[in-house]
């Protein structure tokens, strides 16, 4: 009888192991399946951009300004590539995103630290609510705010500065909340150790807390940059666009998203949409790789 019980126990344990392995295999297969379903649209988009956009990618595409409709029509009729490029859009994008970063990154990090230090105080909760509202606000509304603030009363016309302000407003909530959450995840013992050693509080923040949470801070900054680098609506109300390369922040400036919109509205320039979009995706990818590289080194 005891031998029979031992045999029965072994058989039941084997059957349980088999069921466990089968359920694990099924779950593992479902995870892989849903992961493939999730990334398939992204892969198809990238392949479509590469297929339709690589023909126009050359040195002139990055070193010349956008062509006019007449030159494009002549090139198409002769079976040639459309002359010109997106240099005015590249310079305008870097200029406005750079100015927006100078405004938004330090301000966003400081506000995030303030929210971390003040917890659930009244002012901190009020700022969190405003941040959440900004994060959910349509980009066209933020562009309209920058138009009323900068275009009408500061530059008295469309300008790169107004475009940078609109992008900075969009970046702020995407930097504030990750900064707060990153600091919350840092153990309090690290800060307490600095205080116990008599280190001034601002140095604890700058030289202890921020390097420790650099990976999270970089993620928030990257997310903000990745979002604003492809925005069109706020720039239409603030920067307007320019056919030439301009470094005057008080004058209208172009950007890659604005050029894509202009190409879309001109049937002779439609082919440049795919090349410009491919360049924009490559810029975002480069930002991701650089950010991960910096974070991994600092870690």
C-alpha atoms as a PDB file:
ATOM      1  CA  UNK A   1       0.000   0.000   0.000  1.00  0.00           C
ATOM      2  CA  UNK A   2       2.786   2.404   0.865  1.00  0.00           C
ATOM      3  CA  UNK A   3       4.504   1.647  -2.441  1.00  0.00           C
ATOM      4  CA  UNK A   4       1.255   2.380  -4.278  1.00  0.00           C
ATOM      5  CA  UNK A   5       0.921   5.751  -2.455  1.00  0.00           C
ATOM      6  CA  UNK A   6       4.492   6.655  -3.369  1.00  0.00           C
ATOM      7  CA  UNK A   7       3.803   5.808  -7.010  1.00  0.00           C
ATOM      8  CA  UNK A   8       0.548   7.810  -6.969  1.00  0.00           C
ATOM      9  CA  UNK A   9       2.328  10.793  -5.385  1.00  0.00           C
ATOM     10  CA  UNK A  10       5.063  10.676  -8.004  1.00  0.00           C
ATOM     11  CA  UNK A  11       2.536  10.497 -10.826  1.00  0.00           C
ATOM     12  CA  UNK A  12       0.532  13.419  -9.422  1.00  0.00           C
ATOM     13  CA  UNK A  13       3.680  15.515  -8.961  1.00  0.00           C
ATOM     14  CA  UNK A  14       4.740  14.737 -12.525  1.00  0.00           C
ATOM     15  CA  UNK A  15       1.304  15.708 -13.835  1.00  0.00           C
ATOM     16  CA  UNK A  16       1.448  18.966 -11.851  1.00  0.00           C
ATOM     17  CA  UNK A  17       4.886  19.712 -13.251  1.00  0.00           C
ATOM     18  CA  UNK A  18       3.638  18.987 -16.752  1.00  0.00           C
ATOM     19  CA  UNK A  19       0.636  21.298 -16.299  1.00  0.00           C
ATOM     20  CA  UNK A  20       2.880  23.985 -14.838  1.00  0.00           C
ATOM     21  CA  UNK A  21       5.306  23.740 -17.742  1.00  0.00           C
ATOM     22  CA  UNK A  22       2.438  23.791 -20.244  1.00  0.00           C
ATOM     23  CA  UNK A  23       0.854  26.873 -18.655  1.00  0.00           C
ATOM     24  CA  UNK A  24       4.244  28.604 -18.519  1.00  0.00           C
ATOM     25  CA  UNK A  25       4.817  27.777 -22.182  1.00  0.00           C
ATOM     26  CA  UNK A  26       1.402  29.097 -23.167  1.00  0.00           C
ATOM     27  CA  UNK A  27       1.910  32.319 -21.193  1.00  0.00           C
ATOM     28  CA  UNK A  28       5.399  32.780 -22.641  1.00  0.00           C
ATOM     29  CA  UNK A  29       4.009  32.297 -26.155  1.00  0.00           C
ATOM     30  CA  UNK A  30       1.242  34.836 -25.530  1.00  0.00           C
ATOM     31  CA  UNK A  31       3.744  37.401 -24.267  1.00  0.00           C
ATOM     32  CA  UNK A  32       5.856  36.959 -27.402  1.00  0.00           C
ATOM     33  CA  UNK A  33       2.757  37.117 -29.630  1.00  0.00           C
ATOM     34  CA  UNK A  34       1.405  40.331 -28.092  1.00  0.00           C
ATOM     35  CA  UNK A  35       4.893  41.859 -28.137  1.00  0.00           C
ATOM     36  CA  UNK A  36       5.164  41.157 -31.857  1.00  0.00           C
ATOM     37  CA  UNK A  37       1.699  42.620 -32.415  1.00  0.00           C
ATOM     38  CA  UNK A  38       2.750  45.746 -30.517  1.00  0.00           C
ATOM     39  CA  UNK A  39       5.993  46.379 -32.402  1.00  0.00           C
ATOM     40  CA  UNK A  40       4.707  45.354 -35.842  1.00  0.00           C
ATOM     41  CA  UNK A  41       3.115  48.764 -36.645  1.00  0.00           C
ATOM     42  CA  UNK A  42       6.355  50.515 -35.606  1.00  0.00           C
ATOM     43  CA  UNK A  43       8.432  48.227 -37.825  1.00  0.00           C
ATOM     44  CA  UNK A  44       6.053  48.731 -40.750  1.00  0.00           C
ATOM     45  CA  UNK A  45       6.187  52.519 -40.334  1.00  0.00           C
ATOM     46  CA  UNK A  46       9.986  52.529 -40.294  1.00  0.00           C
ATOM     47  CA  UNK A  47      10.213  50.208 -43.305  1.00  0.00           C
ATOM     48  CA  UNK A  48       7.734  52.379 -45.190  1.00  0.00           C
ATOM     49  CA  UNK A  49       9.738  55.513 -44.392  1.00  0.00           C
ATOM     50  CA  UNK A  50      13.001  53.875 -45.480  1.00  0.00           C
ATOM     51  CA  UNK A  51      11.474  52.510 -48.677  1.00  0.00           C
ATOM     52  CA  UNK A  52       9.983  55.843 -49.774  1.00  0.00           C
ATOM     53  CA  UNK A  53      12.490  58.239 -48.263  1.00  0.00           C
ATOM     54  CA  UNK A  54      15.979  56.907 -48.920  1.00  0.00           C
ATOM     55  CA  UNK A  55      16.030  58.071 -52.577  1.00  0.00           C
ATOM     56  CA  UNK A  56      16.201  61.756 -51.638  1.00  0.00           C
ATOM     57  CA  UNK A  57      18.767  61.266 -48.874  1.00  0.00           C
ATOM     58  CA  UNK A  58      22.118  62.670 -50.007  1.00  0.00           C
ATOM     59  CA  UNK A  59      24.604  65.368 -49.064  1.00  0.00           C
ATOM     60  CA  UNK A  60      22.571  68.123 -50.754  1.00  0.00           C
ATOM     61  CA  UNK A  61      19.522  67.121 -48.750  1.00  0.00           C
ATOM     62  CA  UNK A  62      21.264  68.260 -45.553  1.00  0.00           C
ATOM     63  CA  UNK A  63      23.260  71.196 -46.951  1.00  0.00           C
ATOM     64  CA  UNK A  64      20.718  73.042 -49.118  1.00  0.00           C
ATOM     65  CA  UNK A  65      17.485  74.875 -48.343  1.00  0.00           C
ATOM     66  CA  UNK A  66      14.065  73.614 -49.383  1.00  0.00           C
ATOM     67  CA  UNK A  67      13.351  73.971 -53.134  1.00  0.00           C
ATOM     68  CA  UNK A  68      10.461  75.881 -54.632  1.00  0.00           C
ATOM     69  CA  UNK A  69       7.589  74.232 -56.467  1.00  0.00           C
ATOM     70  CA  UNK A  70       8.830  75.201 -59.953  1.00  0.00           C
ATOM     71  CA  UNK A  71      12.268  73.587 -59.546  1.00  0.00           C
ATOM     72  CA  UNK A  72      10.650  70.474 -58.104  1.00  0.00           C
ATOM     73  CA  UNK A  73       8.188  70.246 -61.008  1.00  0.00           C
ATOM     74  CA  UNK A  74      10.990  70.536 -63.578  1.00  0.00           C
ATOM     75  CA  UNK A  75      13.032  67.832 -61.837  1.00  0.00           C
ATOM     76  CA  UNK A  76      10.061  65.466 -61.673  1.00  0.00           C
ATOM     77  CA  UNK A  77       9.238  66.018 -65.355  1.00  0.00           C
ATOM     78  CA  UNK A  78      12.834  65.095 -66.269  1.00  0.00           C
ATOM     79  CA  UNK A  79      12.836  62.039 -64.017  1.00  0.00           C
ATOM     80  CA  UNK A  80      15.447  63.485 -61.657  1.00  0.00           C
ATOM     81  CA  UNK A  81      15.604  63.812 -57.916  1.00  0.00           C
ATOM     82  CA  UNK A  82      14.057  66.953 -56.468  1.00  0.00           C
ATOM     83  CA  UNK A  83      16.879  69.466 -55.874  1.00  0.00           C
ATOM     84  CA  UNK A  84      17.472  71.152 -52.543  1.00  0.00           C
ATOM     85  CA  UNK A  85      17.045  69.875 -49.030  1.00  0.00           C
ATOM     86  CA  UNK A  86      15.932  70.761 -45.523  1.00  0.00           C
ATOM     87  CA  UNK A  87      18.879  72.771 -44.175  1.00  0.00           C
ATOM     88  CA  UNK A  88      16.616  75.636 -43.115  1.00  0.00           C
ATOM     89  CA  UNK A  89      14.423  73.165 -41.242  1.00  0.00           C
ATOM     90  CA  UNK A  90      17.367  71.451 -39.538  1.00  0.00           C
ATOM     91  CA  UNK A  91      18.920  74.703 -38.321  1.00  0.00           C
ATOM     92  CA  UNK A  92      15.558  76.045 -37.168  1.00  0.00           C
ATOM     93  CA  UNK A  93      14.704  72.811 -35.340  1.00  0.00           C
ATOM     94  CA  UNK A  94      18.026  72.709 -33.482  1.00  0.00           C
ATOM     95  CA  UNK A  95      17.845  76.408 -32.656  1.00  0.00           C
ATOM     96  CA  UNK A  96      14.296  76.327 -31.256  1.00  0.00           C
ATOM     97  CA  UNK A  97      14.656  72.978 -29.467  1.00  0.00           C
ATOM     98  CA  UNK A  98      17.987  74.176 -28.038  1.00  0.00           C
ATOM     99  CA  UNK A  99      16.454  77.386 -26.677  1.00  0.00           C
ATOM    100  CA  UNK A 100      13.459  75.463 -25.345  1.00  0.00           C
ATOM    101  CA  UNK A 101      15.821  73.055 -23.562  1.00  0.00           C
ATOM    102  CA  UNK A 102      17.746  75.934 -21.990  1.00  0.00           C
ATOM    103  CA  UNK A 103      14.452  77.262 -20.632  1.00  0.00           C
ATOM    104  CA  UNK A 104      12.664  74.049 -19.694  1.00  0.00           C
ATOM    105  CA  UNK A 105      15.331  71.643 -18.421  1.00  0.00           C
ATOM    106  CA  UNK A 106      16.705  73.687 -15.480  1.00  0.00           C
ATOM    107  CA  UNK A 107      13.256  75.034 -14.607  1.00  0.00           C
ATOM    108  CA  UNK A 108      11.627  71.605 -14.821  1.00  0.00           C
ATOM    109  CA  UNK A 109      14.287  69.936 -12.682  1.00  0.00           C
ATOM    110  CA  UNK A 110      14.054  72.661 -10.026  1.00  0.00           C
ATOM    111  CA  UNK A 111      10.250  72.391  -9.901  1.00  0.00           C
ATOM    112  CA  UNK A 112      10.518  68.592  -9.679  1.00  0.00           C
ATOM    113  CA  UNK A 113      12.925  68.912  -6.744  1.00  0.00           C
ATOM    114  CA  UNK A 114      10.551  71.386  -5.082  1.00  0.00           C
ATOM    115  CA  UNK A 115       7.651  68.922  -5.419  1.00  0.00           C
ATOM    116  CA  UNK A 116       9.835  66.115  -4.002  1.00  0.00           C
ATOM    117  CA  UNK A 117      10.888  68.180  -0.997  1.00  0.00           C
ATOM    118  CA  UNK A 118       7.436  69.540  -0.176  1.00  0.00           C
ATOM    119  CA  UNK A 119       5.427  66.335  -0.532  1.00  0.00           C
ATOM    120  CA  UNK A 120       1.707  66.935  -0.105  1.00  0.00           C
ATOM    121  CA  UNK A 121       1.821  70.581   0.880  1.00  0.00           C
ATOM    122  CA  UNK A 122      -0.801  72.874  -0.593  1.00  0.00           C
ATOM    123  CA  UNK A 123       1.472  74.687  -3.048  1.00  0.00           C
ATOM    124  CA  UNK A 124       3.061  71.441  -4.202  1.00  0.00           C
ATOM    125  CA  UNK A 125      -0.333  69.873  -4.910  1.00  0.00           C
ATOM    126  CA  UNK A 126      -1.393  72.998  -6.799  1.00  0.00           C
ATOM    127  CA  UNK A 127       1.729  72.829  -8.974  1.00  0.00           C
ATOM    128  CA  UNK A 128       1.132  69.109  -9.626  1.00  0.00           C
ATOM    129  CA  UNK A 129      -2.404  69.881 -10.799  1.00  0.00           C
ATOM    130  CA  UNK A 130      -1.127  72.606 -13.142  1.00  0.00           C
ATOM    131  CA  UNK A 131       1.542  70.219 -14.439  1.00  0.00           C
ATOM    132  CA  UNK A 132      -1.043  67.523 -15.167  1.00  0.00           C
ATOM    133  CA  UNK A 133      -3.224  70.059 -16.981  1.00  0.00           C
ATOM    134  CA  UNK A 134      -0.275  71.202 -19.104  1.00  0.00           C
ATOM    135  CA  UNK A 135       0.637  67.620 -19.927  1.00  0.00           C
ATOM    136  CA  UNK A 136      -2.857  66.924 -21.239  1.00  0.00           C
ATOM    137  CA  UNK A 137      -3.355  70.252 -23.010  1.00  0.00           C
ATOM    138  CA  UNK A 138      -3.453  70.157 -26.847  1.00  0.00           C
ATOM    139  CA  UNK A 139      -0.274  71.494 -28.419  1.00  0.00           C
ATOM    140  CA  UNK A 140      -2.220  74.035 -30.456  1.00  0.00           C
ATOM    141  CA  UNK A 141      -3.459  75.617 -27.219  1.00  0.00           C
ATOM    142  CA  UNK A 142       0.101  75.961 -25.910  1.00  0.00           C
ATOM    143  CA  UNK A 143       1.091  77.512 -29.214  1.00  0.00           C
ATOM    144  CA  UNK A 144      -1.740  80.011 -28.854  1.00  0.00           C
ATOM    145  CA  UNK A 145      -0.512  80.909 -25.344  1.00  0.00           C
ATOM    146  CA  UNK A 146       3.006  81.540 -26.702  1.00  0.00           C
ATOM    147  CA  UNK A 147       1.467  83.625 -29.492  1.00  0.00           C
ATOM    148  CA  UNK A 148      -0.345  85.831 -26.980  1.00  0.00           C
ATOM    149  CA  UNK A 149       2.696  86.132 -24.695  1.00  0.00           C
ATOM    150  CA  UNK A 150       5.617  86.472 -27.094  1.00  0.00           C
ATOM    151  CA  UNK A 151       4.439  87.132 -30.654  1.00  0.00           C
ATOM    152  CA  UNK A 152       2.086  89.980 -29.726  1.00  0.00           C
ATOM    153  CA  UNK A 153       3.913  91.681 -26.867  1.00  0.00           C
ATOM    154  CA  UNK A 154       7.643  90.808 -27.031  1.00  0.00           C
ATOM    155  CA  UNK A 155       8.839  90.197 -30.601  1.00  0.00           C
ATOM    156  CA  UNK A 156       5.768  91.835 -32.193  1.00  0.00           C
ATOM    157  CA  UNK A 157       5.817  89.214 -34.898  1.00  0.00           C
ATOM    158  CA  UNK A 158       6.461  85.544 -35.578  1.00  0.00           C
ATOM    159  CA  UNK A 159       9.856  84.450 -34.332  1.00  0.00           C
ATOM    160  CA  UNK A 160      12.065  81.541 -33.338  1.00  0.00           C
ATOM    161  CA  UNK A 161      11.932  82.796 -29.747  1.00  0.00           C
ATOM    162  CA  UNK A 162       8.145  82.433 -29.681  1.00  0.00           C
ATOM    163  CA  UNK A 163       8.467  78.908 -31.095  1.00  0.00           C
ATOM    164  CA  UNK A 164      11.019  78.025 -28.426  1.00  0.00           C
ATOM    165  CA  UNK A 165       8.722  79.316 -25.670  1.00  0.00           C
ATOM    166  CA  UNK A 166       5.828  77.183 -26.934  1.00  0.00           C
ATOM    167  CA  UNK A 167       8.062  74.092 -27.030  1.00  0.00           C
ATOM    168  CA  UNK A 168       9.443  74.872 -23.559  1.00  0.00           C
ATOM    169  CA  UNK A 169       5.908  74.982 -22.142  1.00  0.00           C
ATOM    170  CA  UNK A 170       5.286  71.550 -23.651  1.00  0.00           C
ATOM    171  CA  UNK A 171       8.538  70.159 -22.236  1.00  0.00           C
ATOM    172  CA  UNK A 172       8.001  71.315 -18.655  1.00  0.00           C
ATOM    173  CA  UNK A 173       5.468  68.695 -17.447  1.00  0.00           C
ATOM    174  CA  UNK A 174       7.444  65.911 -19.129  1.00  0.00           C
ATOM    175  CA  UNK A 175      10.512  66.893 -17.091  1.00  0.00           C
ATOM    176  CA  UNK A 176       8.846  67.862 -13.798  1.00  0.00           C
ATOM    177  CA  UNK A 177       7.029  64.609 -13.049  1.00  0.00           C
ATOM    178  CA  UNK A 178       9.892  62.204 -13.944  1.00  0.00           C
ATOM    179  CA  UNK A 179      12.252  64.340 -11.843  1.00  0.00           C
ATOM    180  CA  UNK A 180       9.946  64.096  -8.823  1.00  0.00           C
ATOM    181  CA  UNK A 181       9.432  60.357  -9.238  1.00  0.00           C
ATOM    182  CA  UNK A 182      13.160  59.768  -9.738  1.00  0.00           C
ATOM    183  CA  UNK A 183      14.035  61.566  -6.505  1.00  0.00           C
ATOM    184  CA  UNK A 184      11.361  59.595  -4.658  1.00  0.00           C
ATOM    185  CA  UNK A 185      13.052  56.343  -5.658  1.00  0.00           C
ATOM    186  CA  UNK A 186      16.440  57.416  -4.262  1.00  0.00           C
ATOM    187  CA  UNK A 187      16.899  56.025  -0.707  1.00  0.00           C
ATOM    188  CA  UNK A 188      16.698  58.679   2.005  1.00  0.00           C
ATOM    189  CA  UNK A 189      19.833  57.209   3.584  1.00  0.00           C
ATOM    190  CA  UNK A 190      21.899  58.722   0.761  1.00  0.00           C
ATOM    191  CA  UNK A 191      20.648  62.215   1.575  1.00  0.00           C
ATOM    192  CA  UNK A 192      20.956  61.600   5.312  1.00  0.00           C
ATOM    193  CA  UNK A 193      24.573  60.514   4.875  1.00  0.00           C
ATOM    194  CA  UNK A 194      25.373  63.785   3.141  1.00  0.00           C
ATOM    195  CA  UNK A 195      23.660  65.799   5.867  1.00  0.00           C
ATOM    196  CA  UNK A 196      25.518  63.844   8.575  1.00  0.00           C
ATOM    197  CA  UNK A 197      28.829  64.729   6.917  1.00  0.00           C
ATOM    198  CA  UNK A 198      27.950  68.413   7.054  1.00  0.00           C
ATOM    199  CA  UNK A 199      27.606  68.856   3.286  1.00  0.00           C
ATOM    200  CA  UNK A 200      25.564  71.944   2.293  1.00  0.00           C
ATOM    201  CA  UNK A 201      22.090  70.996   1.125  1.00  0.00           C
ATOM    202  CA  UNK A 202      22.482  72.410  -2.401  1.00  0.00           C
ATOM    203  CA  UNK A 203      25.597  70.284  -2.869  1.00  0.00           C
ATOM    204  CA  UNK A 204      23.725  67.196  -1.703  1.00  0.00           C
ATOM    205  CA  UNK A 205      21.155  67.851  -4.432  1.00  0.00           C
ATOM    206  CA  UNK A 206      23.688  68.718  -7.150  1.00  0.00           C
ATOM    207  CA  UNK A 207      26.482  66.239  -6.397  1.00  0.00           C
ATOM    208  CA  UNK A 208      24.718  63.337  -4.696  1.00  0.00           C
ATOM    209  CA  UNK A 209      21.020  63.158  -5.547  1.00  0.00           C
ATOM    210  CA  UNK A 210      21.147  64.252  -9.191  1.00  0.00           C
ATOM    211  CA  UNK A 211      24.056  61.977 -10.236  1.00  0.00           C
ATOM    212  CA  UNK A 212      22.334  59.073  -8.469  1.00  0.00           C
ATOM    213  CA  UNK A 213      19.095  59.697 -10.358  1.00  0.00           C
ATOM    214  CA  UNK A 214      20.693  60.702 -13.650  1.00  0.00           C
ATOM    215  CA  UNK A 215      19.143  57.804 -15.539  1.00  0.00           C
ATOM    216  CA  UNK A 216      15.608  58.876 -14.556  1.00  0.00           C
ATOM    217  CA  UNK A 217      16.346  62.534 -15.252  1.00  0.00           C
ATOM    218  CA  UNK A 218      17.688  61.693 -18.704  1.00  0.00           C
ATOM    219  CA  UNK A 219      14.591  59.632 -19.434  1.00  0.00           C
ATOM    220  CA  UNK A 220      12.334  62.591 -18.677  1.00  0.00           C
ATOM    221  CA  UNK A 221      14.456  64.981 -20.733  1.00  0.00           C
ATOM    222  CA  UNK A 222      14.579  62.530 -23.625  1.00  0.00           C
ATOM    223  CA  UNK A 223      10.818  62.048 -23.514  1.00  0.00           C
ATOM    224  CA  UNK A 224      10.339  65.808 -23.609  1.00  0.00           C
ATOM    225  CA  UNK A 225      12.754  66.295 -26.513  1.00  0.00           C
ATOM    226  CA  UNK A 226      11.261  63.393 -28.460  1.00  0.00           C
ATOM    227  CA  UNK A 227       7.809  64.912 -28.170  1.00  0.00           C
ATOM    228  CA  UNK A 228       8.573  68.526 -29.070  1.00  0.00           C
ATOM    229  CA  UNK A 229      11.024  67.810 -31.883  1.00  0.00           C
ATOM    230  CA  UNK A 230       8.152  66.662 -34.089  1.00  0.00           C
ATOM    231  CA  UNK A 231       5.531  69.253 -33.116  1.00  0.00           C
ATOM    232  CA  UNK A 232       3.978  71.324 -35.893  1.00  0.00           C
ATOM    233  CA  UNK A 233       0.851  73.068 -34.564  1.00  0.00           C
ATOM    234  CA  UNK A 234       2.487  75.372 -31.983  1.00  0.00           C
ATOM    235  CA  UNK A 235       5.200  76.393 -34.451  1.00  0.00           C
ATOM    236  CA  UNK A 236       2.618  77.366 -37.045  1.00  0.00           C
ATOM    237  CA  UNK A 237       1.303  79.963 -34.596  1.00  0.00           C
ATOM    238  CA  UNK A 238       4.694  81.174 -33.364  1.00  0.00           C
ATOM    239  CA  UNK A 239       7.665  80.516 -35.681  1.00  0.00           C
ATOM    240  CA  UNK A 240       5.581  80.479 -38.911  1.00  0.00           C
ATOM    241  CA  UNK A 241       8.439  79.183 -41.085  1.00  0.00           C
ATOM    242  CA  UNK A 242      11.123  80.610 -43.353  1.00  0.00           C
ATOM    243  CA  UNK A 243      12.507  79.747 -46.770  1.00  0.00           C
ATOM    244  CA  UNK A 244      16.026  80.678 -45.690  1.00  0.00           C
ATOM    245  CA  UNK A 245      18.479  79.775 -42.954  1.00  0.00           C
ATOM    246  CA  UNK A 246      18.113  82.312 -40.174  1.00  0.00           C
ATOM    247  CA  UNK A 247      19.795  82.505 -36.766  1.00  0.00           C
ATOM    248  CA  UNK A 248      17.957  85.636 -35.652  1.00  0.00           C
ATOM    249  CA  UNK A 249      15.726  84.544 -32.786  1.00  0.00           C
ATOM    250  CA  UNK A 250      13.440  87.546 -33.292  1.00  0.00           C
ATOM    251  CA  UNK A 251      12.645  86.567 -36.895  1.00  0.00           C
ATOM    252  CA  UNK A 252      10.526  83.722 -38.310  1.00  0.00           C
ATOM    253  CA  UNK A 253      12.315  80.383 -38.535  1.00  0.00           C
ATOM    254  CA  UNK A 254      11.586  77.063 -40.147  1.00  0.00           C
ATOM    255  CA  UNK A 255      11.607  73.560 -38.663  1.00  0.00           C
ATOM    256  CA  UNK A 256      11.493  70.058 -40.077  1.00  0.00           C
ATOM    257  CA  UNK A 257       7.823  69.507 -39.057  1.00  0.00           C
ATOM    258  CA  UNK A 258       6.876  72.826 -40.695  1.00  0.00           C
ATOM    259  CA  UNK A 259       8.667  71.799 -43.876  1.00  0.00           C
ATOM    260  CA  UNK A 260       6.836  68.459 -43.883  1.00  0.00           C
ATOM    261  CA  UNK A 261       3.550  70.367 -43.632  1.00  0.00           C
ATOM    262  CA  UNK A 262       4.587  72.663 -46.502  1.00  0.00           C
ATOM    263  CA  UNK A 263       5.666  69.699 -48.641  1.00  0.00           C
ATOM    264  CA  UNK A 264       2.322  68.028 -47.975  1.00  0.00           C
ATOM    265  CA  UNK A 265       0.443  71.069 -49.311  1.00  0.00           C
ATOM    266  CA  UNK A 266       2.484  71.185 -52.532  1.00  0.00           C
ATOM    267  CA  UNK A 267       1.906  68.244 -54.921  1.00  0.00           C
ATOM    268  CA  UNK A 268       5.320  68.796 -56.515  1.00  0.00           C
ATOM    269  CA  UNK A 269       7.133  68.391 -53.190  1.00  0.00           C
ATOM    270  CA  UNK A 270       5.299  65.356 -51.833  1.00  0.00           C
ATOM    271  CA  UNK A 271       8.316  63.099 -52.348  1.00  0.00           C
ATOM    272  CA  UNK A 272      10.273  65.154 -49.819  1.00  0.00           C
ATOM    273  CA  UNK A 273       7.782  64.288 -47.083  1.00  0.00           C
ATOM    274  CA  UNK A 274       9.177  60.776 -46.673  1.00  0.00           C
ATOM    275  CA  UNK A 275      12.818  61.842 -46.634  1.00  0.00           C
ATOM    276  CA  UNK A 276      12.113  64.592 -44.101  1.00  0.00           C
ATOM    277  CA  UNK A 277      10.119  62.200 -41.911  1.00  0.00           C
ATOM    278  CA  UNK A 278      12.902  59.621 -42.083  1.00  0.00           C
ATOM    279  CA  UNK A 279      15.410  62.262 -40.974  1.00  0.00           C
ATOM    280  CA  UNK A 280      13.162  63.249 -38.071  1.00  0.00           C
ATOM    281  CA  UNK A 281      12.842  59.630 -36.917  1.00  0.00           C
ATOM    282  CA  UNK A 282      16.622  59.223 -37.169  1.00  0.00           C
ATOM    283  CA  UNK A 283      17.128  62.308 -34.983  1.00  0.00           C
ATOM    284  CA  UNK A 284      14.815  60.908 -32.303  1.00  0.00           C
ATOM    285  CA  UNK A 285      16.614  57.549 -32.453  1.00  0.00           C
ATOM    286  CA  UNK A 286      19.976  59.301 -32.071  1.00  0.00           C
ATOM    287  CA  UNK A 287      18.678  61.142 -28.994  1.00  0.00           C
ATOM    288  CA  UNK A 288      17.644  57.808 -27.469  1.00  0.00           C
ATOM    289  CA  UNK A 289      21.024  56.205 -28.097  1.00  0.00           C
ATOM    290  CA  UNK A 290      22.989  59.197 -26.774  1.00  0.00           C
ATOM    291  CA  UNK A 291      20.815  59.375 -23.674  1.00  0.00           C
ATOM    292  CA  UNK A 292      21.244  55.678 -22.884  1.00  0.00           C
ATOM    293  CA  UNK A 293      24.972  55.942 -23.428  1.00  0.00           C
ATOM    294  CA  UNK A 294      25.303  58.860 -21.013  1.00  0.00           C
ATOM    295  CA  UNK A 295      23.080  57.217 -18.403  1.00  0.00           C
ATOM    296  CA  UNK A 296      24.974  53.924 -18.561  1.00  0.00           C
ATOM    297  CA  UNK A 297      28.327  55.675 -18.132  1.00  0.00           C
ATOM    298  CA  UNK A 298      27.118  57.731 -15.181  1.00  0.00           C
ATOM    299  CA  UNK A 299      25.556  54.678 -13.574  1.00  0.00           C
END
